[in-house]
mmCIF file of all heavy atoms, coordinates in Angstrom:
data_MODEL
# 
_entry.id   MODEL 
# 
loop_
_atom_site.group_PDB 
_atom_site.id 
_atom_site.type_symbol 
_atom_site.label_atom_id 
_atom_site.label_alt_id 
_atom_site.label_comp_id 
_atom_site.label_asym_id 
_atom_site.label_entity_id 
_atom_site.label_seq_id 
_atom_site.pdbx_PDB_ins_code 
_atom_site.Cartn_x 
_atom_site.Cartn_y 
_atom_site.Cartn_z 
_atom_site.occupancy 
_atom_site.B_iso_or_equiv 
_atom_site.pdbx_formal_charge 
_atom_site.auth_seq_id 
_atom_site.auth_comp_id 
_atom_site.auth_asym_id 
_atom_site.auth_atom_id 
_atom_site.pdbx_PDB_model_num 
ATOM 1   N N   . PHE A 1 1  ? -10.457 -2.623  3.200  1.00 0.00 ? 1  PHE A N   1 
ATOM 2   C CA  . PHE A 1 1  ? -10.136 -1.403  3.866  1.00 0.00 ? 1  PHE A CA  1 
ATOM 3   C C   . PHE A 1 1  ? -8.685  -1.413  4.407  1.00 0.00 ? 1  PHE A C   1 
ATOM 4   O O   . PHE A 1 1  ? -7.979  -0.399  4.175  1.00 0.00 ? 1  PHE A O   1 
ATOM 5   C CB  . PHE A 1 1  ? -11.068 -1.212  5.103  1.00 0.00 ? 1  PHE A CB  1 
ATOM 6   C CG  . PHE A 1 1  ? -10.670 -0.051  5.979  1.00 0.00 ? 1  PHE A CG  1 
ATOM 7   C CD1 . PHE A 1 1  ? -11.048 1.272   5.614  1.00 0.00 ? 1  PHE A CD1 1 
ATOM 8   C CD2 . PHE A 1 1  ? -9.881  -0.282  7.109  1.00 0.00 ? 1  PHE A CD2 1 
ATOM 9   C CE1 . PHE A 1 1  ? -10.642 2.336   6.443  1.00 0.00 ? 1  PHE A CE1 1 
ATOM 10  C CE2 . PHE A 1 1  ? -9.517  0.821   7.893  1.00 0.00 ? 1  PHE A CE2 1 
ATOM 11  C CZ  . PHE A 1 1  ? -9.872  2.106   7.536  1.00 0.00 ? 1  PHE A CZ  1 
ATOM 12  N N   . LEU A 1 2  ? -8.259  -2.444  5.068  1.00 0.00 ? 2  LEU A N   1 
ATOM 13  C CA  . LEU A 1 2  ? -6.889  -2.506  5.608  1.00 0.00 ? 2  LEU A CA  1 
ATOM 14  C C   . LEU A 1 2  ? -5.869  -2.468  4.484  1.00 0.00 ? 2  LEU A C   1 
ATOM 15  O O   . LEU A 1 2  ? -4.802  -1.752  4.614  1.00 0.00 ? 2  LEU A O   1 
ATOM 16  C CB  . LEU A 1 2  ? -6.687  -3.742  6.468  1.00 0.00 ? 2  LEU A CB  1 
ATOM 17  C CG  . LEU A 1 2  ? -5.359  -3.871  7.153  1.00 0.00 ? 2  LEU A CG  1 
ATOM 18  C CD1 . LEU A 1 2  ? -5.135  -2.710  8.095  1.00 0.00 ? 2  LEU A CD1 1 
ATOM 19  C CD2 . LEU A 1 2  ? -5.176  -5.202  7.840  1.00 0.00 ? 2  LEU A CD2 1 
ATOM 20  N N   . TYR A 1 3  ? -6.144  -3.101  3.367  1.00 0.00 ? 3  TYR A N   1 
ATOM 21  C CA  . TYR A 1 3  ? -5.203  -3.114  2.266  1.00 0.00 ? 3  TYR A CA  1 
ATOM 22  C C   . TYR A 1 3  ? -5.008  -1.694  1.735  1.00 0.00 ? 3  TYR A C   1 
ATOM 23  O O   . TYR A 1 3  ? -3.881  -1.154  1.550  1.00 0.00 ? 3  TYR A O   1 
ATOM 24  C CB  . TYR A 1 3  ? -5.701  -4.002  1.194  1.00 0.00 ? 3  TYR A CB  1 
ATOM 25  C CG  . TYR A 1 3  ? -4.981  -3.895  -0.141 1.00 0.00 ? 3  TYR A CG  1 
ATOM 26  C CD1 . TYR A 1 3  ? -3.679  -4.347  -0.301 1.00 0.00 ? 3  TYR A CD1 1 
ATOM 27  C CD2 . TYR A 1 3  ? -5.590  -3.288  -1.275 1.00 0.00 ? 3  TYR A CD2 1 
ATOM 28  C CE1 . TYR A 1 3  ? -3.003  -4.235  -1.526 1.00 0.00 ? 3  TYR A CE1 1 
ATOM 29  C CE2 . TYR A 1 3  ? -4.948  -3.178  -2.478 1.00 0.00 ? 3  TYR A CE2 1 
ATOM 30  C CZ  . TYR A 1 3  ? -3.644  -3.636  -2.579 1.00 0.00 ? 3  TYR A CZ  1 
ATOM 31  O OH  . TYR A 1 3  ? -2.964  -3.498  -3.834 1.00 0.00 ? 3  TYR A OH  1 
ATOM 32  N N   . HIS A 1 4  ? -6.131  -1.016  1.431  1.00 0.00 ? 4  HIS A N   1 
ATOM 33  C CA  . HIS A 1 4  ? -6.037  0.349   0.927  1.00 0.00 ? 4  HIS A CA  1 
ATOM 34  C C   . HIS A 1 4  ? -5.525  1.349   1.943  1.00 0.00 ? 4  HIS A C   1 
ATOM 35  O O   . HIS A 1 4  ? -4.767  2.292   1.560  1.00 0.00 ? 4  HIS A O   1 
ATOM 36  C CB  . HIS A 1 4  ? -7.392  0.805   0.385  1.00 0.00 ? 4  HIS A CB  1 
ATOM 37  C CG  . HIS A 1 4  ? -7.795  0.089   -0.901 1.00 0.00 ? 4  HIS A CG  1 
ATOM 38  N ND1 . HIS A 1 4  ? -7.169  0.341   -2.098 1.00 0.00 ? 4  HIS A ND1 1 
ATOM 39  C CD2 . HIS A 1 4  ? -8.723  -0.893  -1.132 1.00 0.00 ? 4  HIS A CD2 1 
ATOM 40  C CE1 . HIS A 1 4  ? -7.727  -0.455  -3.014 1.00 0.00 ? 4  HIS A CE1 1 
ATOM 41  N NE2 . HIS A 1 4  ? -8.654  -1.194  -2.487 1.00 0.00 ? 4  HIS A NE2 1 
ATOM 42  N N   . TYR A 1 5  ? -5.861  1.129   3.194  1.00 0.00 ? 5  TYR A N   1 
ATOM 43  C CA  . TYR A 1 5  ? -5.344  1.986   4.234  1.00 0.00 ? 5  TYR A CA  1 
ATOM 44  C C   . TYR A 1 5  ? -3.807  1.883   4.283  1.00 0.00 ? 5  TYR A C   1 
ATOM 45  O O   . TYR A 1 5  ? -3.080  2.875   4.358  1.00 0.00 ? 5  TYR A O   1 
ATOM 46  C CB  . TYR A 1 5  ? -5.946  1.581   5.584  1.00 0.00 ? 5  TYR A CB  1 
ATOM 47  C CG  . TYR A 1 5  ? -5.152  2.110   6.789  1.00 0.00 ? 5  TYR A CG  1 
ATOM 48  C CD1 . TYR A 1 5  ? -5.336  3.411   7.230  1.00 0.00 ? 5  TYR A CD1 1 
ATOM 49  C CD2 . TYR A 1 5  ? -4.242  1.285   7.463  1.00 0.00 ? 5  TYR A CD2 1 
ATOM 50  C CE1 . TYR A 1 5  ? -4.584  3.888   8.321  1.00 0.00 ? 5  TYR A CE1 1 
ATOM 51  C CE2 . TYR A 1 5  ? -3.540  1.767   8.558  1.00 0.00 ? 5  TYR A CE2 1 
ATOM 52  C CZ  . TYR A 1 5  ? -3.711  3.064   8.963  1.00 0.00 ? 5  TYR A CZ  1 
ATOM 53  O OH  . TYR A 1 5  ? -2.971  3.530   10.049 1.00 0.00 ? 5  TYR A OH  1 
ATOM 54  N N   . THR A 1 6  ? -3.299  0.634   4.286  1.00 0.00 ? 6  THR A N   1 
ATOM 55  C CA  . THR A 1 6  ? -1.834  0.468   4.350  1.00 0.00 ? 6  THR A CA  1 
ATOM 56  C C   . THR A 1 6  ? -1.173  1.031   3.117  1.00 0.00 ? 6  THR A C   1 
ATOM 57  O O   . THR A 1 6  ? -0.049  1.616   3.209  1.00 0.00 ? 6  THR A O   1 
ATOM 58  C CB  . THR A 1 6  ? -1.509  -1.054  4.477  1.00 0.00 ? 6  THR A CB  1 
ATOM 59  O OG1 . THR A 1 6  ? -2.224  -1.581  5.610  1.00 0.00 ? 6  THR A OG1 1 
ATOM 60  C CG2 . THR A 1 6  ? -0.053  -1.277  4.653  1.00 0.00 ? 6  THR A CG2 1 
ATOM 61  N N   . LEU A 1 7  ? -1.752  0.911   1.965  1.00 0.00 ? 7  LEU A N   1 
ATOM 62  C CA  . LEU A 1 7  ? -1.219  1.436   0.779  1.00 0.00 ? 7  LEU A CA  1 
ATOM 63  C C   . LEU A 1 7  ? -1.159  3.021   0.882  1.00 0.00 ? 7  LEU A C   1 
ATOM 64  O O   . LEU A 1 7  ? -0.215  3.644   0.515  1.00 0.00 ? 7  LEU A O   1 
ATOM 65  C CB  . LEU A 1 7  ? -2.038  1.061   -0.478 1.00 0.00 ? 7  LEU A CB  1 
ATOM 66  C CG  . LEU A 1 7  ? -1.423  1.217   -1.884 1.00 0.00 ? 7  LEU A CG  1 
ATOM 67  C CD1 . LEU A 1 7  ? -0.126  0.509   -2.000 1.00 0.00 ? 7  LEU A CD1 1 
ATOM 68  C CD2 . LEU A 1 7  ? -2.441  0.672   -2.899 1.00 0.00 ? 7  LEU A CD2 1 
ATOM 69  N N   . ASP A 1 8  ? -2.197  3.583   1.465  1.00 0.00 ? 8  ASP A N   1 
ATOM 70  C CA  . ASP A 1 8  ? -2.204  5.048   1.729  1.00 0.00 ? 8  ASP A CA  1 
ATOM 71  C C   . ASP A 1 8  ? -1.113  5.425   2.654  1.00 0.00 ? 8  ASP A C   1 
ATOM 72  O O   . ASP A 1 8  ? -0.422  6.476   2.447  1.00 0.00 ? 8  ASP A O   1 
ATOM 73  C CB  . ASP A 1 8  ? -3.556  5.466   2.324  1.00 0.00 ? 8  ASP A CB  1 
ATOM 74  C CG  . ASP A 1 8  ? -4.722  5.462   1.285  1.00 0.00 ? 8  ASP A CG  1 
ATOM 75  O OD1 . ASP A 1 8  ? -4.400  5.356   0.113  1.00 0.00 ? 8  ASP A OD1 1 
ATOM 76  O OD2 . ASP A 1 8  ? -5.853  5.500   1.772  1.00 0.00 ? 8  ASP A OD2 1 
ATOM 77  N N   . VAL A 1 9  ? -0.896  4.675   3.707  1.00 0.00 ? 9  VAL A N   1 
ATOM 78  C CA  . VAL A 1 9  ? 0.206   4.972   4.680  1.00 0.00 ? 9  VAL A CA  1 
ATOM 79  C C   . VAL A 1 9  ? 1.531   4.928   3.927  1.00 0.00 ? 9  VAL A C   1 
ATOM 80  O O   . VAL A 1 9  ? 2.354   5.860   4.101  1.00 0.00 ? 9  VAL A O   1 
ATOM 81  C CB  . VAL A 1 9  ? 0.214   3.931   5.844  1.00 0.00 ? 9  VAL A CB  1 
ATOM 82  C CG1 . VAL A 1 9  ? 1.469   4.109   6.687  1.00 0.00 ? 9  VAL A CG1 1 
ATOM 83  C CG2 . VAL A 1 9  ? -1.008  4.089   6.721  1.00 0.00 ? 9  VAL A CG2 1 
ATOM 84  N N   . ALA A 1 10 ? 1.741   3.898   3.148  1.00 0.00 ? 10 ALA A N   1 
ATOM 85  C CA  . ALA A 1 10 ? 3.022   3.784   2.372  1.00 0.00 ? 10 ALA A CA  1 
ATOM 86  C C   . ALA A 1 10 ? 3.247   4.935   1.427  1.00 0.00 ? 10 ALA A C   1 
ATOM 87  O O   . ALA A 1 10 ? 4.307   5.532   1.335  1.00 0.00 ? 10 ALA A O   1 
ATOM 88  C CB  . ALA A 1 10 ? 3.066   2.456   1.672  1.00 0.00 ? 10 ALA A CB  1 
ATOM 89  N N   . GLN A 1 11 ? 2.196   5.289   0.688  1.00 0.00 ? 11 GLN A N   1 
ATOM 90  C CA  . GLN A 1 11 ? 2.297   6.363   -0.283 1.00 0.00 ? 11 GLN A CA  1 
ATOM 91  C C   . GLN A 1 11 ? 2.491   7.736   0.372  1.00 0.00 ? 11 GLN A C   1 
ATOM 92  O O   . GLN A 1 11 ? 3.264   8.563   -0.075 1.00 0.00 ? 11 GLN A O   1 
ATOM 93  C CB  . GLN A 1 11 ? 1.085   6.330   -1.248 1.00 0.00 ? 11 GLN A CB  1 
ATOM 94  C CG  . GLN A 1 11 ? 1.074   5.101   -2.098 1.00 0.00 ? 11 GLN A CG  1 
ATOM 95  C CD  . GLN A 1 11 ? -0.153  4.904   -2.949 1.00 0.00 ? 11 GLN A CD  1 
ATOM 96  O OE1 . GLN A 1 11 ? -1.200  5.524   -2.624 1.00 0.00 ? 11 GLN A OE1 1 
ATOM 97  N NE2 . GLN A 1 11 ? -0.114  4.049   -3.965 1.00 0.00 ? 11 GLN A NE2 1 
ATOM 98  N N   . LEU A 1 12 ? 1.721   7.996   1.423  1.00 0.00 ? 12 LEU A N   1 
ATOM 99  C CA  . LEU A 1 12 ? 1.821   9.255   2.169  1.00 0.00 ? 12 LEU A CA  1 
ATOM 100 C C   . LEU A 1 12 ? 3.220   9.485   2.681  1.00 0.00 ? 12 LEU A C   1 
ATOM 101 O O   . LEU A 1 12 ? 3.806   10.590  2.651  1.00 0.00 ? 12 LEU A O   1 
ATOM 102 C CB  . LEU A 1 12 ? 0.855   9.288   3.304  1.00 0.00 ? 12 LEU A CB  1 
ATOM 103 C CG  . LEU A 1 12 ? 0.883   10.528  4.223  1.00 0.00 ? 12 LEU A CG  1 
ATOM 104 C CD1 . LEU A 1 12 ? 0.534   11.818  3.513  1.00 0.00 ? 12 LEU A CD1 1 
ATOM 105 C CD2 . LEU A 1 12 ? -0.036  10.319  5.441  1.00 0.00 ? 12 LEU A CD2 1 
ATOM 106 N N   . ASN A 1 13 ? 3.856   8.397   3.113  1.00 0.00 ? 13 ASN A N   1 
ATOM 107 C CA  . ASN A 1 13 ? 5.153   8.482   3.726  1.00 0.00 ? 13 ASN A CA  1 
ATOM 108 C C   . ASN A 1 13 ? 6.307   8.174   2.735  1.00 0.00 ? 13 ASN A C   1 
ATOM 109 O O   . ASN A 1 13 ? 7.441   8.047   3.162  1.00 0.00 ? 13 ASN A O   1 
ATOM 110 C CB  . ASN A 1 13 ? 5.260   7.599   4.944  1.00 0.00 ? 13 ASN A CB  1 
ATOM 111 C CG  . ASN A 1 13 ? 4.396   8.060   6.071  1.00 0.00 ? 13 ASN A CG  1 
ATOM 112 O OD1 . ASN A 1 13 ? 4.778   9.018   6.773  1.00 0.00 ? 13 ASN A OD1 1 
ATOM 113 N ND2 . ASN A 1 13 ? 3.257   7.400   6.295  1.00 0.00 ? 13 ASN A ND2 1 
ATOM 114 N N   . LYS A 1 14 ? 5.933   8.092   1.476  1.00 0.00 ? 14 LYS A N   1 
ATOM 115 C CA  . LYS A 1 14 ? 6.904   7.870   0.353  1.00 0.00 ? 14 LYS A CA  1 
ATOM 116 C C   . LYS A 1 14 ? 7.765   6.669   0.611  1.00 0.00 ? 14 LYS A C   1 
ATOM 117 O O   . LYS A 1 14 ? 8.996   6.683   0.375  1.00 0.00 ? 14 LYS A O   1 
ATOM 118 C CB  . LYS A 1 14 ? 7.757   9.166   0.157  1.00 0.00 ? 14 LYS A CB  1 
ATOM 119 C CG  . LYS A 1 14 ? 6.996   10.375  -0.254 1.00 0.00 ? 14 LYS A CG  1 
ATOM 120 C CD  . LYS A 1 14 ? 7.884   11.569  -0.436 1.00 0.00 ? 14 LYS A CD  1 
ATOM 121 C CE  . LYS A 1 14 ? 7.119   12.757  -1.050 1.00 0.00 ? 14 LYS A CE  1 
ATOM 122 N NZ  . LYS A 1 14 ? 5.939   13.156  -0.235 1.00 0.00 ? 14 LYS A NZ  1 
ATOM 123 N N   . LEU A 1 15 ? 7.107   5.583   1.057  1.00 0.00 ? 15 LEU A N   1 
ATOM 124 C CA  . LEU A 1 15 ? 7.839   4.318   1.246  1.00 0.00 ? 15 LEU A CA  1 
ATOM 125 C C   . LEU A 1 15 ? 7.851   3.560   -0.054 1.00 0.00 ? 15 LEU A C   1 
ATOM 126 O O   . LEU A 1 15 ? 6.933   3.654   -0.842 1.00 0.00 ? 15 LEU A O   1 
ATOM 127 C CB  . LEU A 1 15 ? 7.125   3.470   2.309  1.00 0.00 ? 15 LEU A CB  1 
ATOM 128 C CG  . LEU A 1 15 ? 7.006   4.157   3.699  1.00 0.00 ? 15 LEU A CG  1 
ATOM 129 C CD1 . LEU A 1 15 ? 6.257   3.236   4.641  1.00 0.00 ? 15 LEU A CD1 1 
ATOM 130 C CD2 . LEU A 1 15 ? 8.340   4.558   4.248  1.00 0.00 ? 15 LEU A CD2 1 
ATOM 131 N N   . GLU A 1 16 ? 8.942   2.861   -0.304 1.00 0.00 ? 16 GLU A N   1 
ATOM 132 C CA  . GLU A 1 16 ? 9.030   2.111   -1.568 1.00 0.00 ? 16 GLU A CA  1 
ATOM 133 C C   . GLU A 1 16 ? 8.218   0.855   -1.526 1.00 0.00 ? 16 GLU A C   1 
ATOM 134 O O   . GLU A 1 16 ? 8.459   -0.064  -0.817 1.00 0.00 ? 16 GLU A O   1 
ATOM 135 C CB  . GLU A 1 16 ? 10.514  1.725   -1.822 1.00 0.00 ? 16 GLU A CB  1 
ATOM 136 C CG  . GLU A 1 16 ? 10.741  1.033   -3.128 1.00 0.00 ? 16 GLU A CG  1 
ATOM 137 C CD  . GLU A 1 16 ? 12.222  0.698   -3.385 1.00 0.00 ? 16 GLU A CD  1 
ATOM 138 O OE1 . GLU A 1 16 ? 13.067  0.971   -2.550 1.00 0.00 ? 16 GLU A OE1 1 
ATOM 139 O OE2 . GLU A 1 16 ? 12.471  0.056   -4.427 1.00 0.00 ? 16 GLU A OE2 1 
ATOM 140 N N   . VAL A 1 17 ? 7.112   0.860   -2.347 1.00 0.00 ? 17 VAL A N   1 
ATOM 141 C CA  . VAL A 1 17 ? 6.239   -0.257  -2.463 1.00 0.00 ? 17 VAL A CA  1 
ATOM 142 C C   . VAL A 1 17 ? 6.743   -1.185  -3.553 1.00 0.00 ? 17 VAL A C   1 
ATOM 143 O O   . VAL A 1 17 ? 6.840   -0.772  -4.751 1.00 0.00 ? 17 VAL A O   1 
ATOM 144 C CB  . VAL A 1 17 ? 4.797   0.201   -2.763 1.00 0.00 ? 17 VAL A CB  1 
ATOM 145 C CG1 . VAL A 1 17 ? 3.903   -1.011  -2.924 1.00 0.00 ? 17 VAL A CG1 1 
ATOM 146 C CG2 . VAL A 1 17 ? 4.285   1.090   -1.645 1.00 0.00 ? 17 VAL A CG2 1 
ATOM 147 N N   . LEU A 1 18 ? 7.121   -2.402  -3.191 1.00 0.00 ? 18 LEU A N   1 
ATOM 148 C CA  . LEU A 1 18 ? 7.678   -3.314  -4.185 1.00 0.00 ? 18 LEU A CA  1 
ATOM 149 C C   . LEU A 1 18 ? 6.643   -4.187  -4.862 1.00 0.00 ? 18 LEU A C   1 
ATOM 150 O O   . LEU A 1 18 ? 6.761   -4.490  -6.062 1.00 0.00 ? 18 LEU A O   1 
ATOM 151 C CB  . LEU A 1 18 ? 8.661   -4.238  -3.440 1.00 0.00 ? 18 LEU A CB  1 
ATOM 152 C CG  . LEU A 1 18 ? 9.827   -3.527  -2.719 1.00 0.00 ? 18 LEU A CG  1 
ATOM 153 C CD1 . LEU A 1 18 ? 10.657  -4.527  -1.957 1.00 0.00 ? 18 LEU A CD1 1 
ATOM 154 C CD2 . LEU A 1 18 ? 10.664  -2.778  -3.735 1.00 0.00 ? 18 LEU A CD2 1 
ATOM 155 N N   . VAL A 1 19 ? 5.559   -4.541  -4.133 1.00 0.00 ? 19 VAL A N   1 
ATOM 156 C CA  . VAL A 1 19 ? 4.487   -5.345  -4.678 1.00 0.00 ? 19 VAL A CA  1 
ATOM 157 C C   . VAL A 1 19 ? 3.228   -4.885  -4.009 1.00 0.00 ? 19 VAL A C   1 
ATOM 158 O O   . VAL A 1 19 ? 3.183   -4.657  -2.854 1.00 0.00 ? 19 VAL A O   1 
ATOM 159 C CB  . VAL A 1 19 ? 4.695   -6.851  -4.406 1.00 0.00 ? 19 VAL A CB  1 
ATOM 160 C CG1 . VAL A 1 19 ? 3.488   -7.622  -4.915 1.00 0.00 ? 19 VAL A CG1 1 
ATOM 161 C CG2 . VAL A 1 19 ? 5.976   -7.381  -4.998 1.00 0.00 ? 19 VAL A CG2 1 
ATOM 162 N N   . HIS A 1 20 ? 2.149   -4.731  -4.872 1.00 0.00 ? 20 HIS A N   1 
ATOM 163 C CA  . HIS A 1 20 ? 0.819   -4.560  -4.279 1.00 0.00 ? 20 HIS A CA  1 
ATOM 164 C C   . HIS A 1 20 ? -0.221  -5.120  -5.250 1.00 0.00 ? 20 HIS A C   1 
ATOM 165 O O   . HIS A 1 20 ? -0.163  -4.839  -6.441 1.00 0.00 ? 20 HIS A O   1 
ATOM 166 C CB  . HIS A 1 20 ? 0.516   -3.116  -3.918 1.00 0.00 ? 20 HIS A CB  1 
ATOM 167 C CG  . HIS A 1 20 ? 0.390   -2.144  -5.065 1.00 0.00 ? 20 HIS A CG  1 
ATOM 168 N ND1 . HIS A 1 20 ? -0.821  -1.859  -5.671 1.00 0.00 ? 20 HIS A ND1 1 
ATOM 169 C CD2 . HIS A 1 20 ? 1.344   -1.441  -5.735 1.00 0.00 ? 20 HIS A CD2 1 
ATOM 170 C CE1 . HIS A 1 20 ? -0.620  -1.008  -6.625 1.00 0.00 ? 20 HIS A CE1 1 
ATOM 171 N NE2 . HIS A 1 20 ? 0.631   -0.717  -6.695 1.00 0.00 ? 20 HIS A NE2 1 
ATOM 172 N N   . THR A 1 21 ? -1.092  -5.884  -4.724 1.00 0.00 ? 21 THR A N   1 
ATOM 173 C CA  . THR A 1 21 ? -2.134  -6.520  -5.526 1.00 0.00 ? 21 THR A CA  1 
ATOM 174 C C   . THR A 1 21 ? -3.353  -6.768  -4.658 1.00 0.00 ? 21 THR A C   1 
ATOM 175 O O   . THR A 1 21 ? -3.227  -7.194  -3.500 1.00 0.00 ? 21 THR A O   1 
ATOM 176 C CB  . THR A 1 21 ? -1.664  -7.826  -6.196 1.00 0.00 ? 21 THR A CB  1 
ATOM 177 O OG1 . THR A 1 21 ? -2.783  -8.472  -6.848 1.00 0.00 ? 21 THR A OG1 1 
ATOM 178 C CG2 . THR A 1 21 ? -1.121  -8.820  -5.172 1.00 0.00 ? 21 THR A CG2 1 
ATOM 179 N N   . ASP A 1 22 ? -4.536  -6.514  -5.201 1.00 0.00 ? 22 ASP A N   1 
ATOM 180 C CA  . ASP A 1 22 ? -5.757  -6.804  -4.461 1.00 0.00 ? 22 ASP A CA  1 
ATOM 181 C C   . ASP A 1 22 ? -6.328  -8.170  -4.757 1.00 0.00 ? 22 ASP A C   1 
ATOM 182 O O   . ASP A 1 22 ? -7.427  -8.539  -4.307 1.00 0.00 ? 22 ASP A O   1 
ATOM 183 C CB  . ASP A 1 22 ? -6.846  -5.724  -4.733 1.00 0.00 ? 22 ASP A CB  1 
ATOM 184 C CG  . ASP A 1 22 ? -7.203  -5.641  -6.166 1.00 0.00 ? 22 ASP A CG  1 
ATOM 185 O OD1 . ASP A 1 22 ? -6.757  -6.459  -6.999 1.00 0.00 ? 22 ASP A OD1 1 
ATOM 186 O OD2 . ASP A 1 22 ? -8.054  -4.740  -6.494 1.00 0.00 ? 22 ASP A OD2 1 
ATOM 187 N N   . ASP A 1 23 ? -5.565  -8.988  -5.472 1.00 0.00 ? 23 ASP A N   1 
ATOM 188 C CA  . ASP A 1 23 ? -5.988  -10.378 -5.749 1.00 0.00 ? 23 ASP A CA  1 
ATOM 189 C C   . ASP A 1 23 ? -4.733  -11.237 -6.048 1.00 0.00 ? 23 ASP A C   1 
ATOM 190 O O   . ASP A 1 23 ? -4.413  -11.520 -7.207 1.00 0.00 ? 23 ASP A O   1 
ATOM 191 C CB  . ASP A 1 23 ? -6.956  -10.417 -6.943 1.00 0.00 ? 23 ASP A CB  1 
ATOM 192 C CG  . ASP A 1 23 ? -7.606  -11.746 -7.096 1.00 0.00 ? 23 ASP A CG  1 
ATOM 193 O OD1 . ASP A 1 23 ? -7.349  -12.687 -6.382 1.00 0.00 ? 23 ASP A OD1 1 
ATOM 194 O OD2 . ASP A 1 23 ? -8.508  -11.862 -8.022 1.00 0.00 ? 23 ASP A OD2 1 
ATOM 195 N N   . LEU A 1 24 ? -4.071  -11.610 -5.017 1.00 0.00 ? 24 LEU A N   1 
ATOM 196 C CA  . LEU A 1 24 ? -2.750  -12.244 -5.113 1.00 0.00 ? 24 LEU A CA  1 
ATOM 197 C C   . LEU A 1 24 ? -2.790  -13.504 -5.984 1.00 0.00 ? 24 LEU A C   1 
ATOM 198 O O   . LEU A 1 24 ? -1.914  -13.722 -6.864 1.00 0.00 ? 24 LEU A O   1 
ATOM 199 C CB  . LEU A 1 24 ? -2.229  -12.633 -3.739 1.00 0.00 ? 24 LEU A CB  1 
ATOM 200 C CG  . LEU A 1 24 ? -0.903  -13.416 -3.664 1.00 0.00 ? 24 LEU A CG  1 
ATOM 201 C CD1 . LEU A 1 24 ? 0.208   -12.653 -4.316 1.00 0.00 ? 24 LEU A CD1 1 
ATOM 202 C CD2 . LEU A 1 24 ? -0.595  -13.778 -2.221 1.00 0.00 ? 24 LEU A CD2 1 
# 
């Protein structure tokens, strides 16, 4: 939940996401 929530926050605010993975 926290991972997807944070990804939503970043995408909603058009923040530059450099890395995202659900299984590092």
